[in-house]
Amino acid sequence: MITILALGDSLTAGFTVATRQAYPALLEQKLRMTGYACHVINAGISGETSAGTLSRINSRLTPKPNIIVLETGLNDYFQGVNPTVTAQNIRQIVRICKTQDVLVILAGMRPIGMLSEIGILRKNSTAFAQLYPTIAKEEGVILIPDFLEGVVNQPNHSPRLTLLDGVHPTAAGYEVVMKTVYPYLVEAMDG
């Protein structure tokens, strides 16, 4: 049995949806339907930053998962944290996982929402978007280029894929997230 830890913030936790509708539960269901013996643990905490994830990473590695889907950093961005600090935190998380022989899949994020047009956020947008591919390349981990691909910035899509904030997926949006994450997990398990 392969243990997969979905580690992240409200996007992983499933803000406002039932636990069974968040992407980790949907992912486990899809993987099992396609023949993978696995258990996906939802370790998302709403509001969590990369610093918060770093502070709890060691406790989440016991018992040791085989794979971690690491989704963190967007709250840093919204709070105006310097992208260099976010990158340092994520890099440390990845390195800790690697020392424990845990395979990391890094969920890339892009600046999203109306807040990304405001002052310091706009200034940090490019650096923020680049930190994920840079870390994935430097650390040799699998990168999901855009965790929310096909979910955000889809205003005329029916059913609605995000809450009114334009960031948090609805149940329908989490179906899209699951389909985005799935091939990267299959790559990790088959690789």
N, C-alpha and C. Protein backbone atom coordinates (compact mmCIF):
# COMPACT_ATOMS: atom_id res chain seq x y z
N MET A 1 0.84 -1.18 0.00
CA MET A 1 0.00 0.00 0.00
C MET A 1 0.89 1.24 0.00
N ILE A 2 0.64 2.12 -0.96
CA ILE A 2 1.39 3.37 -1.08
C ILE A 2 0.67 4.44 -0.27
N THR A 3 1.41 5.14 0.58
CA THR A 3 0.83 6.24 1.36
C THR A 3 1.25 7.56 0.73
N ILE A 4 0.25 8.36 0.40
CA ILE A 4 0.46 9.67 -0.22
C ILE A 4 -0.05 10.72 0.75
N LEU A 5 0.80 11.69 1.05
CA LEU A 5 0.43 12.79 1.94
C LEU A 5 0.19 14.04 1.10
N ALA A 6 -1.02 14.55 1.14
CA ALA A 6 -1.35 15.81 0.48
C ALA A 6 -1.17 16.90 1.53
N LEU A 7 -0.08 17.64 1.41
CA LEU A 7 0.31 18.62 2.42
C LEU A 7 0.13 20.02 1.85
N GLY A 8 -0.63 20.85 2.55
CA GLY A 8 -0.83 22.19 2.03
C GLY A 8 -1.75 23.04 2.87
N ASP A 9 -2.35 24.01 2.20
CA ASP A 9 -3.21 24.99 2.87
C ASP A 9 -4.67 24.69 2.57
N SER A 10 -5.51 25.72 2.53
CA SER A 10 -6.95 25.53 2.30
C SER A 10 -7.26 24.90 0.95
N LEU A 11 -6.36 25.08 -0.03
CA LEU A 11 -6.59 24.48 -1.34
C LEU A 11 -6.50 22.95 -1.27
N THR A 12 -5.71 22.46 -0.33
CA THR A 12 -5.63 21.02 -0.09
C THR A 12 -6.70 20.58 0.90
N ALA A 13 -6.88 21.35 1.96
CA ALA A 13 -7.85 20.99 3.00
C ALA A 13 -9.26 20.84 2.44
N GLY A 14 -9.59 21.68 1.45
CA GLY A 14 -10.92 21.64 0.87
C GLY A 14 -11.84 22.67 1.50
N PHE A 15 -11.38 23.90 1.54
CA PHE A 15 -12.14 25.01 2.15
C PHE A 15 -13.57 25.04 1.63
N THR A 16 -14.52 24.94 2.52
CA THR A 16 -15.98 24.98 2.31
C THR A 16 -16.59 23.75 1.64
N VAL A 17 -15.81 22.76 1.28
CA VAL A 17 -16.41 21.54 0.71
C VAL A 17 -16.27 20.40 1.71
N ALA A 18 -17.06 19.36 1.54
CA ALA A 18 -16.95 18.17 2.40
C ALA A 18 -15.61 17.50 2.13
N THR A 19 -15.07 16.84 3.14
CA THR A 19 -13.76 16.18 3.02
C THR A 19 -13.72 15.27 1.81
N ARG A 20 -14.81 14.56 1.54
CA ARG A 20 -14.85 13.63 0.41
C ARG A 20 -14.83 14.34 -0.95
N GLN A 21 -15.06 15.68 -0.95
CA GLN A 21 -15.07 16.44 -2.19
C GLN A 21 -13.75 17.16 -2.46
N ALA A 22 -12.85 17.18 -1.47
CA ALA A 22 -11.54 17.82 -1.66
C ALA A 22 -10.68 16.93 -2.55
N TYR A 23 -9.69 17.52 -3.20
CA TYR A 23 -8.91 16.76 -4.17
C TYR A 23 -8.23 15.52 -3.59
N PRO A 24 -7.72 15.50 -2.33
CA PRO A 24 -7.06 14.28 -1.85
C PRO A 24 -7.99 13.05 -1.84
N ALA A 25 -9.24 13.23 -1.40
CA ALA A 25 -10.19 12.12 -1.38
C ALA A 25 -10.53 11.68 -2.80
N LEU A 26 -10.73 12.65 -3.68
CA LEU A 26 -11.04 12.33 -5.08
C LEU A 26 -9.87 11.60 -5.74
N LEU A 27 -8.67 12.01 -5.39
CA LEU A 27 -7.46 11.39 -5.95
C LEU A 27 -7.34 9.94 -5.51
N GLU A 28 -7.56 9.68 -4.23
CA GLU A 28 -7.51 8.30 -3.74
C GLU A 28 -8.53 7.43 -4.46
N GLN A 29 -9.71 7.96 -4.63
CA GLN A 29 -10.77 7.23 -5.32
C GLN A 29 -10.36 6.90 -6.76
N LYS A 30 -9.84 7.88 -7.46
CA LYS A 30 -9.42 7.70 -8.86
C LYS A 30 -8.26 6.71 -8.96
N LEU A 31 -7.27 6.85 -8.07
CA LEU A 31 -6.12 5.94 -8.10
C LEU A 31 -6.55 4.49 -7.84
N ARG A 32 -7.43 4.31 -6.88
CA ARG A 32 -7.90 2.95 -6.57
C ARG A 32 -8.71 2.37 -7.73
N MET A 33 -9.52 3.21 -8.38
CA MET A 33 -10.32 2.75 -9.53
C MET A 33 -9.42 2.34 -10.68
N THR A 34 -8.23 2.91 -10.76
CA THR A 34 -7.31 2.58 -11.86
C THR A 34 -6.25 1.57 -11.44
N GLY A 35 -6.45 0.92 -10.28
CA GLY A 35 -5.61 -0.21 -9.90
C GLY A 35 -4.46 0.06 -8.96
N TYR A 36 -4.38 1.25 -8.39
CA TYR A 36 -3.29 1.55 -7.46
C TYR A 36 -3.75 1.33 -6.01
N ALA A 37 -2.99 0.53 -5.28
CA ALA A 37 -3.27 0.32 -3.86
C ALA A 37 -2.63 1.47 -3.10
N CYS A 38 -3.46 2.41 -2.69
CA CYS A 38 -2.91 3.60 -2.04
C CYS A 38 -3.88 4.18 -1.03
N HIS A 39 -3.31 5.00 -0.18
CA HIS A 39 -4.09 5.77 0.78
C HIS A 39 -3.60 7.20 0.70
N VAL A 40 -4.51 8.15 0.48
CA VAL A 40 -4.15 9.56 0.39
C VAL A 40 -4.63 10.26 1.66
N ILE A 41 -3.70 10.86 2.38
CA ILE A 41 -4.00 11.56 3.62
C ILE A 41 -4.08 13.06 3.34
N ASN A 42 -5.18 13.66 3.74
CA ASN A 42 -5.35 15.10 3.57
C ASN A 42 -4.74 15.81 4.79
N ALA A 43 -3.61 16.46 4.58
CA ALA A 43 -2.94 17.21 5.65
C ALA A 43 -2.94 18.70 5.33
N GLY A 44 -4.04 19.17 4.79
CA GLY A 44 -4.18 20.59 4.50
C GLY A 44 -4.72 21.34 5.69
N ILE A 45 -4.22 22.56 5.90
CA ILE A 45 -4.68 23.43 6.98
C ILE A 45 -4.98 24.81 6.37
N SER A 46 -6.21 25.23 6.49
CA SER A 46 -6.58 26.54 5.95
C SER A 46 -5.73 27.64 6.58
N GLY A 47 -5.27 28.54 5.73
CA GLY A 47 -4.48 29.68 6.19
C GLY A 47 -2.99 29.41 6.34
N GLU A 48 -2.59 28.17 6.14
CA GLU A 48 -1.18 27.82 6.35
C GLU A 48 -0.26 28.51 5.34
N THR A 49 0.90 28.91 5.83
CA THR A 49 1.94 29.51 4.99
C THR A 49 3.06 28.49 4.80
N SER A 50 4.03 28.83 3.99
CA SER A 50 5.17 27.93 3.80
C SER A 50 5.95 27.78 5.11
N ALA A 51 6.00 28.83 5.92
CA ALA A 51 6.69 28.74 7.22
C ALA A 51 5.95 27.76 8.14
N GLY A 52 4.63 27.80 8.12
CA GLY A 52 3.83 26.87 8.92
C GLY A 52 4.03 25.44 8.46
N THR A 53 4.07 25.23 7.15
CA THR A 53 4.30 23.89 6.61
C THR A 53 5.68 23.40 7.02
N LEU A 54 6.68 24.27 6.93
CA LEU A 54 8.04 23.90 7.34
C LEU A 54 8.07 23.52 8.82
N SER A 55 7.35 24.25 9.64
CA SER A 55 7.38 23.98 11.08
C SER A 55 6.76 22.64 11.44
N ARG A 56 5.89 22.11 10.60
CA ARG A 56 5.24 20.84 10.93
C ARG A 56 5.67 19.67 10.04
N ILE A 57 6.61 19.89 9.15
CA ILE A 57 6.97 18.83 8.22
C ILE A 57 7.49 17.58 8.93
N ASN A 58 8.33 17.73 9.91
CA ASN A 58 8.88 16.54 10.57
C ASN A 58 7.80 15.70 11.23
N SER A 59 6.80 16.34 11.83
CA SER A 59 5.72 15.58 12.46
C SER A 59 4.86 14.87 11.43
N ARG A 60 4.79 15.41 10.22
CA ARG A 60 3.98 14.79 9.16
C ARG A 60 4.71 13.62 8.49
N LEU A 61 5.98 13.48 8.76
CA LEU A 61 6.75 12.38 8.17
C LEU A 61 6.73 11.13 9.05
N THR A 62 5.93 11.14 10.12
CA THR A 62 5.78 9.98 10.98
C THR A 62 4.30 9.65 11.11
N PRO A 63 3.84 8.48 10.70
CA PRO A 63 4.62 7.47 9.97
C PRO A 63 4.94 7.99 8.58
N LYS A 64 6.00 7.45 8.02
CA LYS A 64 6.56 7.97 6.78
C LYS A 64 5.68 7.68 5.57
N PRO A 65 5.26 8.73 4.85
CA PRO A 65 4.56 8.51 3.58
C PRO A 65 5.57 8.14 2.49
N ASN A 66 5.08 7.57 1.41
CA ASN A 66 5.94 7.28 0.26
C ASN A 66 6.11 8.51 -0.63
N ILE A 67 5.02 9.27 -0.74
CA ILE A 67 4.97 10.43 -1.64
C ILE A 67 4.28 11.58 -0.91
N ILE A 68 4.79 12.79 -1.15
CA ILE A 68 4.12 14.00 -0.65
C ILE A 68 3.79 14.88 -1.85
N VAL A 69 2.53 15.31 -1.91
CA VAL A 69 2.14 16.36 -2.84
C VAL A 69 2.19 17.65 -2.02
N LEU A 70 3.17 18.48 -2.30
CA LEU A 70 3.42 19.69 -1.52
C LEU A 70 2.80 20.90 -2.21
N GLU A 71 1.77 21.44 -1.59
CA GLU A 71 1.07 22.62 -2.12
C GLU A 71 1.12 23.69 -1.05
N THR A 72 2.00 24.65 -1.21
CA THR A 72 2.11 25.74 -0.24
C THR A 72 2.70 26.97 -0.91
N GLY A 73 2.46 28.12 -0.30
CA GLY A 73 3.06 29.35 -0.79
C GLY A 73 2.08 30.43 -1.21
N LEU A 74 0.86 30.04 -1.59
CA LEU A 74 -0.07 31.06 -2.07
C LEU A 74 -0.47 32.03 -0.95
N ASN A 75 -0.61 31.53 0.27
CA ASN A 75 -0.91 32.44 1.39
C ASN A 75 0.26 33.38 1.65
N ASP A 76 1.48 32.90 1.46
CA ASP A 76 2.64 33.78 1.56
C ASP A 76 2.48 34.94 0.57
N TYR A 77 2.14 34.59 -0.65
CA TYR A 77 1.99 35.58 -1.72
C TYR A 77 0.94 36.63 -1.34
N PHE A 78 -0.23 36.15 -0.88
CA PHE A 78 -1.30 37.08 -0.52
C PHE A 78 -0.93 37.94 0.68
N GLN A 79 -0.04 37.45 1.55
CA GLN A 79 0.38 38.21 2.71
C GLN A 79 1.59 39.11 2.42
N GLY A 80 2.08 39.09 1.18
CA GLY A 80 3.19 39.95 0.80
C GLY A 80 4.55 39.46 1.27
N VAL A 81 4.66 38.17 1.60
CA VAL A 81 5.95 37.61 2.00
C VAL A 81 6.89 37.65 0.80
N ASN A 82 8.12 38.02 1.04
CA ASN A 82 9.12 38.06 -0.02
C ASN A 82 9.24 36.67 -0.65
N PRO A 83 9.15 36.56 -1.98
CA PRO A 83 9.25 35.25 -2.63
C PRO A 83 10.55 34.50 -2.31
N THR A 84 11.61 35.22 -1.99
CA THR A 84 12.86 34.58 -1.60
C THR A 84 12.68 33.78 -0.31
N VAL A 85 11.92 34.33 0.62
CA VAL A 85 11.65 33.64 1.88
C VAL A 85 10.78 32.41 1.63
N THR A 86 9.76 32.57 0.81
CA THR A 86 8.89 31.43 0.46
C THR A 86 9.72 30.33 -0.19
N ALA A 87 10.58 30.72 -1.11
CA ALA A 87 11.43 29.72 -1.80
C ALA A 87 12.34 29.00 -0.82
N GLN A 88 12.92 29.74 0.12
CA GLN A 88 13.79 29.10 1.13
C GLN A 88 13.01 28.08 1.95
N ASN A 89 11.81 28.43 2.36
CA ASN A 89 10.98 27.52 3.14
C ASN A 89 10.63 26.26 2.36
N ILE A 90 10.19 26.46 1.13
CA ILE A 90 9.81 25.30 0.30
C ILE A 90 11.02 24.42 0.02
N ARG A 91 12.13 25.04 -0.28
CA ARG A 91 13.37 24.27 -0.54
C ARG A 91 13.74 23.43 0.69
N GLN A 92 13.61 24.00 1.88
CA GLN A 92 13.92 23.25 3.11
C GLN A 92 12.95 22.08 3.29
N ILE A 93 11.67 22.31 3.02
CA ILE A 93 10.68 21.23 3.14
C ILE A 93 11.05 20.10 2.19
N VAL A 94 11.35 20.43 0.95
CA VAL A 94 11.72 19.42 -0.04
C VAL A 94 12.95 18.65 0.41
N ARG A 95 13.95 19.35 0.90
CA ARG A 95 15.19 18.68 1.33
C ARG A 95 14.96 17.76 2.53
N ILE A 96 14.13 18.18 3.47
CA ILE A 96 13.81 17.32 4.61
C ILE A 96 13.13 16.05 4.12
N CYS A 97 12.19 16.18 3.20
CA CYS A 97 11.50 15.01 2.65
C CYS A 97 12.48 14.08 1.95
N LYS A 98 13.37 14.66 1.18
CA LYS A 98 14.35 13.84 0.45
C LYS A 98 15.28 13.09 1.40
N THR A 99 15.65 13.69 2.53
CA THR A 99 16.53 12.99 3.48
C THR A 99 15.81 11.80 4.09
N GLN A 100 14.48 11.81 4.07
CA GLN A 100 13.69 10.71 4.60
C GLN A 100 13.25 9.74 3.49
N ASP A 101 13.81 9.92 2.28
CA ASP A 101 13.45 9.10 1.12
C ASP A 101 11.96 9.17 0.77
N VAL A 102 11.40 10.35 0.94
CA VAL A 102 10.02 10.59 0.55
C VAL A 102 10.04 11.34 -0.77
N LEU A 103 9.34 10.81 -1.75
CA LEU A 103 9.28 11.43 -3.07
C LEU A 103 8.37 12.65 -3.00
N VAL A 104 8.82 13.77 -3.55
CA VAL A 104 8.05 15.02 -3.50
C VAL A 104 7.52 15.38 -4.88
N ILE A 105 6.25 15.71 -4.90
CA ILE A 105 5.63 16.32 -6.08
C ILE A 105 5.28 17.74 -5.66
N LEU A 106 5.88 18.71 -6.31
CA LEU A 106 5.71 20.11 -5.94
C LEU A 106 4.60 20.73 -6.79
N ALA A 107 3.59 21.26 -6.10
CA ALA A 107 2.47 21.90 -6.78
C ALA A 107 2.80 23.36 -7.06
N GLY A 108 3.01 23.67 -8.32
CA GLY A 108 3.32 25.04 -8.71
C GLY A 108 2.10 25.93 -8.62
N MET A 109 2.34 27.17 -8.25
CA MET A 109 1.29 28.17 -8.12
C MET A 109 1.62 29.38 -8.98
N ARG A 110 0.58 30.08 -9.36
CA ARG A 110 0.73 31.33 -10.10
C ARG A 110 -0.04 32.42 -9.37
N PRO A 111 0.39 33.67 -9.51
CA PRO A 111 -0.37 34.76 -8.91
C PRO A 111 -1.78 34.76 -9.48
N ILE A 112 -2.78 34.80 -8.60
CA ILE A 112 -4.17 34.75 -9.05
C ILE A 112 -5.01 35.73 -8.27
N GLY A 113 -6.17 36.01 -8.80
CA GLY A 113 -7.16 36.83 -8.11
C GLY A 113 -6.90 38.31 -8.27
N MET A 114 -7.88 39.08 -7.89
CA MET A 114 -7.78 40.53 -8.00
C MET A 114 -6.66 41.09 -7.13
N LEU A 115 -6.35 40.43 -6.02
CA LEU A 115 -5.30 40.92 -5.14
C LEU A 115 -3.94 40.94 -5.82
N SER A 116 -3.75 40.12 -6.84
CA SER A 116 -2.45 40.06 -7.50
C SER A 116 -2.13 41.34 -8.27
N GLU A 117 -3.10 42.22 -8.40
CA GLU A 117 -2.88 43.48 -9.10
C GLU A 117 -2.52 44.62 -8.14
N ILE A 118 -2.46 44.32 -6.86
CA ILE A 118 -2.24 45.37 -5.85
C ILE A 118 -0.78 45.46 -5.46
N GLY A 119 -0.23 46.65 -5.54
CA GLY A 119 1.08 47.02 -5.03
C GLY A 119 2.15 45.96 -4.97
N ILE A 120 2.53 45.58 -3.74
CA ILE A 120 3.65 44.66 -3.52
C ILE A 120 3.40 43.30 -4.16
N LEU A 121 2.14 42.89 -4.22
CA LEU A 121 1.85 41.59 -4.83
C LEU A 121 2.21 41.62 -6.32
N ARG A 122 1.84 42.68 -7.00
CA ARG A 122 2.17 42.78 -8.42
C ARG A 122 3.69 42.78 -8.61
N LYS A 123 4.39 43.48 -7.72
CA LYS A 123 5.86 43.55 -7.79
C LYS A 123 6.48 42.15 -7.63
N ASN A 124 5.89 41.33 -6.79
CA ASN A 124 6.43 40.00 -6.51
C ASN A 124 5.91 38.89 -7.42
N SER A 125 4.99 39.22 -8.32
CA SER A 125 4.32 38.20 -9.15
C SER A 125 5.28 37.33 -9.94
N THR A 126 6.21 37.92 -10.65
CA THR A 126 7.12 37.16 -11.50
C THR A 126 8.03 36.27 -10.66
N ALA A 127 8.60 36.82 -9.60
CA ALA A 127 9.48 36.03 -8.73
C ALA A 127 8.72 34.88 -8.10
N PHE A 128 7.47 35.14 -7.70
CA PHE A 128 6.66 34.09 -7.10
C PHE A 128 6.39 32.97 -8.10
N ALA A 129 5.98 33.31 -9.30
CA ALA A 129 5.67 32.30 -10.31
C ALA A 129 6.89 31.45 -10.66
N GLN A 130 8.07 32.04 -10.60
CA GLN A 130 9.29 31.32 -11.00
C GLN A 130 9.87 30.45 -9.90
N LEU A 131 9.49 30.67 -8.65
CA LEU A 131 10.14 29.91 -7.58
C LEU A 131 9.85 28.42 -7.66
N TYR A 132 8.67 28.02 -8.12
CA TYR A 132 8.32 26.59 -8.19
C TYR A 132 9.13 25.83 -9.24
N PRO A 133 9.16 26.31 -10.49
CA PRO A 133 9.98 25.58 -11.46
C PRO A 133 11.47 25.60 -11.11
N THR A 134 11.93 26.69 -10.50
CA THR A 134 13.34 26.77 -10.11
C THR A 134 13.66 25.72 -9.05
N ILE A 135 12.84 25.63 -8.01
CA ILE A 135 13.07 24.64 -6.95
C ILE A 135 12.97 23.22 -7.50
N ALA A 136 11.96 22.96 -8.31
CA ALA A 136 11.78 21.62 -8.87
C ALA A 136 13.01 21.19 -9.68
N LYS A 137 13.53 22.12 -10.47
CA LYS A 137 14.71 21.81 -11.28
C LYS A 137 15.94 21.59 -10.40
N GLU A 138 16.17 22.50 -9.46
CA GLU A 138 17.35 22.41 -8.59
C GLU A 138 17.33 21.16 -7.70
N GLU A 139 16.15 20.81 -7.22
CA GLU A 139 16.03 19.70 -6.27
C GLU A 139 15.67 18.37 -6.95
N GLY A 140 15.41 18.40 -8.24
CA GLY A 140 15.11 17.17 -8.96
C GLY A 140 13.81 16.52 -8.53
N VAL A 141 12.76 17.33 -8.33
CA VAL A 141 11.46 16.79 -7.94
C VAL A 141 10.46 17.03 -9.07
N ILE A 142 9.40 16.25 -9.04
CA ILE A 142 8.33 16.39 -10.03
C ILE A 142 7.58 17.69 -9.77
N LEU A 143 7.30 18.43 -10.84
CA LEU A 143 6.58 19.69 -10.74
C LEU A 143 5.24 19.60 -11.44
N ILE A 144 4.19 19.97 -10.72
CA ILE A 144 2.90 20.24 -11.35
C ILE A 144 2.96 21.72 -11.70
N PRO A 145 3.08 22.07 -12.98
CA PRO A 145 3.33 23.47 -13.33
C PRO A 145 2.30 24.46 -12.79
N ASP A 146 1.03 24.08 -12.79
CA ASP A 146 -0.01 24.99 -12.32
C ASP A 146 -1.10 24.17 -11.63
N PHE A 147 -1.02 24.11 -10.32
CA PHE A 147 -1.94 23.30 -9.51
C PHE A 147 -3.40 23.64 -9.80
N LEU A 148 -3.70 24.91 -10.04
CA LEU A 148 -5.08 25.34 -10.27
C LEU A 148 -5.42 25.55 -11.75
N GLU A 149 -4.66 24.92 -12.61
CA GLU A 149 -4.90 25.03 -14.06
C GLU A 149 -6.33 24.59 -14.40
N GLY A 150 -7.00 25.42 -15.17
CA GLY A 150 -8.36 25.09 -15.59
C GLY A 150 -9.41 25.37 -14.53
N VAL A 151 -8.99 25.88 -13.37
CA VAL A 151 -9.94 26.16 -12.29
C VAL A 151 -10.11 27.66 -12.10
N VAL A 152 -9.01 28.37 -11.90
CA VAL A 152 -9.09 29.82 -11.71
C VAL A 152 -9.15 30.51 -13.07
N ASN A 153 -9.65 31.72 -13.04
CA ASN A 153 -9.80 32.53 -14.27
C ASN A 153 -10.68 31.86 -15.31
N GLN A 154 -11.73 31.19 -14.86
CA GLN A 154 -12.69 30.54 -15.74
C GLN A 154 -14.08 31.10 -15.46
N PRO A 155 -14.30 32.43 -15.64
CA PRO A 155 -15.53 33.07 -15.18
C PRO A 155 -16.81 32.57 -15.86
N ASN A 156 -16.75 32.14 -17.08
CA ASN A 156 -17.97 31.73 -17.78
C ASN A 156 -18.17 30.23 -17.79
N HIS A 157 -17.38 29.53 -16.99
CA HIS A 157 -17.48 28.07 -16.96
C HIS A 157 -18.68 27.64 -16.13
N SER A 158 -19.40 26.66 -16.60
CA SER A 158 -20.52 26.14 -15.84
C SER A 158 -20.31 24.65 -15.64
N PRO A 159 -20.34 24.11 -14.45
CA PRO A 159 -20.64 24.81 -13.20
C PRO A 159 -19.45 25.66 -12.76
N ARG A 160 -19.73 26.56 -11.85
CA ARG A 160 -18.70 27.45 -11.32
C ARG A 160 -17.61 26.62 -10.65
N LEU A 161 -16.35 26.91 -10.97
CA LEU A 161 -15.23 26.11 -10.47
C LEU A 161 -14.56 26.69 -9.24
N THR A 162 -14.81 27.97 -8.95
CA THR A 162 -14.25 28.57 -7.73
C THR A 162 -15.37 29.26 -6.95
N LEU A 163 -15.06 29.48 -5.68
CA LEU A 163 -15.95 30.32 -4.88
C LEU A 163 -15.87 31.74 -5.43
N LEU A 164 -16.64 32.64 -4.89
CA LEU A 164 -16.65 34.01 -5.38
C LEU A 164 -15.31 34.71 -5.24
N ASP A 165 -14.42 34.18 -4.37
CA ASP A 165 -13.10 34.79 -4.22
C ASP A 165 -12.20 34.53 -5.42
N GLY A 166 -12.62 33.65 -6.32
CA GLY A 166 -11.84 33.35 -7.52
C GLY A 166 -10.59 32.52 -7.26
N VAL A 167 -10.44 32.01 -6.05
CA VAL A 167 -9.24 31.26 -5.66
C VAL A 167 -9.59 29.84 -5.21
N HIS A 168 -10.51 29.71 -4.27
CA HIS A 168 -10.82 28.41 -3.68
C HIS A 168 -11.76 27.61 -4.58
N PRO A 169 -11.39 26.37 -4.91
CA PRO A 169 -12.25 25.55 -5.76
C PRO A 169 -13.57 25.17 -5.08
N THR A 170 -14.58 25.03 -5.91
CA THR A 170 -15.83 24.41 -5.49
C THR A 170 -15.66 22.90 -5.64
N ALA A 171 -16.70 22.14 -5.33
CA ALA A 171 -16.62 20.69 -5.53
C ALA A 171 -16.29 20.38 -6.99
N ALA A 172 -16.91 21.10 -7.93
CA ALA A 172 -16.61 20.89 -9.36
C ALA A 172 -15.17 21.28 -9.67
N GLY A 173 -14.69 22.32 -9.04
CA GLY A 173 -13.31 22.75 -9.24
C GLY A 173 -12.32 21.71 -8.74
N TYR A 174 -12.64 21.06 -7.62
CA TYR A 174 -11.75 20.02 -7.09
C TYR A 174 -11.67 18.81 -8.00
N GLU A 175 -12.71 18.55 -8.76
CA GLU A 175 -12.65 17.48 -9.77
C GLU A 175 -11.57 17.81 -10.80
N VAL A 176 -11.49 19.09 -11.18
CA VAL A 176 -10.48 19.53 -12.15
C VAL A 176 -9.09 19.44 -11.53
N VAL A 177 -8.94 19.87 -10.26
CA VAL A 177 -7.65 19.78 -9.57
C VAL A 177 -7.19 18.32 -9.52
N MET A 178 -8.10 17.42 -9.18
CA MET A 178 -7.75 16.00 -9.11
C MET A 178 -7.22 15.52 -10.47
N LYS A 179 -7.88 15.91 -11.54
CA LYS A 179 -7.44 15.50 -12.88
C LYS A 179 -6.09 16.11 -13.23
N THR A 180 -5.78 17.28 -12.70
CA THR A 180 -4.47 17.90 -12.92
C THR A 180 -3.38 17.15 -12.18
N VAL A 181 -3.64 16.78 -10.93
CA VAL A 181 -2.63 16.14 -10.08
C VAL A 181 -2.42 14.67 -10.46
N TYR A 182 -3.47 13.99 -10.86
CA TYR A 182 -3.43 12.54 -11.11
C TYR A 182 -2.26 12.05 -11.97
N PRO A 183 -2.02 12.61 -13.15
CA PRO A 183 -0.93 12.06 -13.98
C PRO A 183 0.46 12.20 -13.33
N TYR A 184 0.64 13.22 -12.52
CA TYR A 184 1.94 13.39 -11.84
C TYR A 184 2.13 12.34 -10.76
N LEU A 185 1.05 11.97 -10.09
CA LEU A 185 1.13 10.90 -9.10
C LEU A 185 1.38 9.56 -9.76
N VAL A 186 0.72 9.32 -10.89
CA VAL A 186 0.95 8.08 -11.63
C VAL A 186 2.41 8.02 -12.08
N GLU A 187 2.93 9.14 -12.56
CA GLU A 187 4.35 9.20 -12.95
C GLU A 187 5.25 8.84 -11.78
N ALA A 188 4.94 9.37 -10.60
CA ALA A 188 5.75 9.10 -9.41
C ALA A 188 5.66 7.63 -9.00
N MET A 189 4.48 7.06 -9.07
CA MET A 189 4.30 5.68 -8.63
C MET A 189 4.85 4.68 -9.64
N ASP A 190 4.76 5.01 -10.91
CA ASP A 190 5.24 4.09 -11.96
C ASP A 190 6.73 4.28 -12.25
N GLY A 191 7.28 5.43 -11.82
CA GLY A 191 8.67 5.76 -12.13
C GLY A 191 9.61 5.07 -11.32
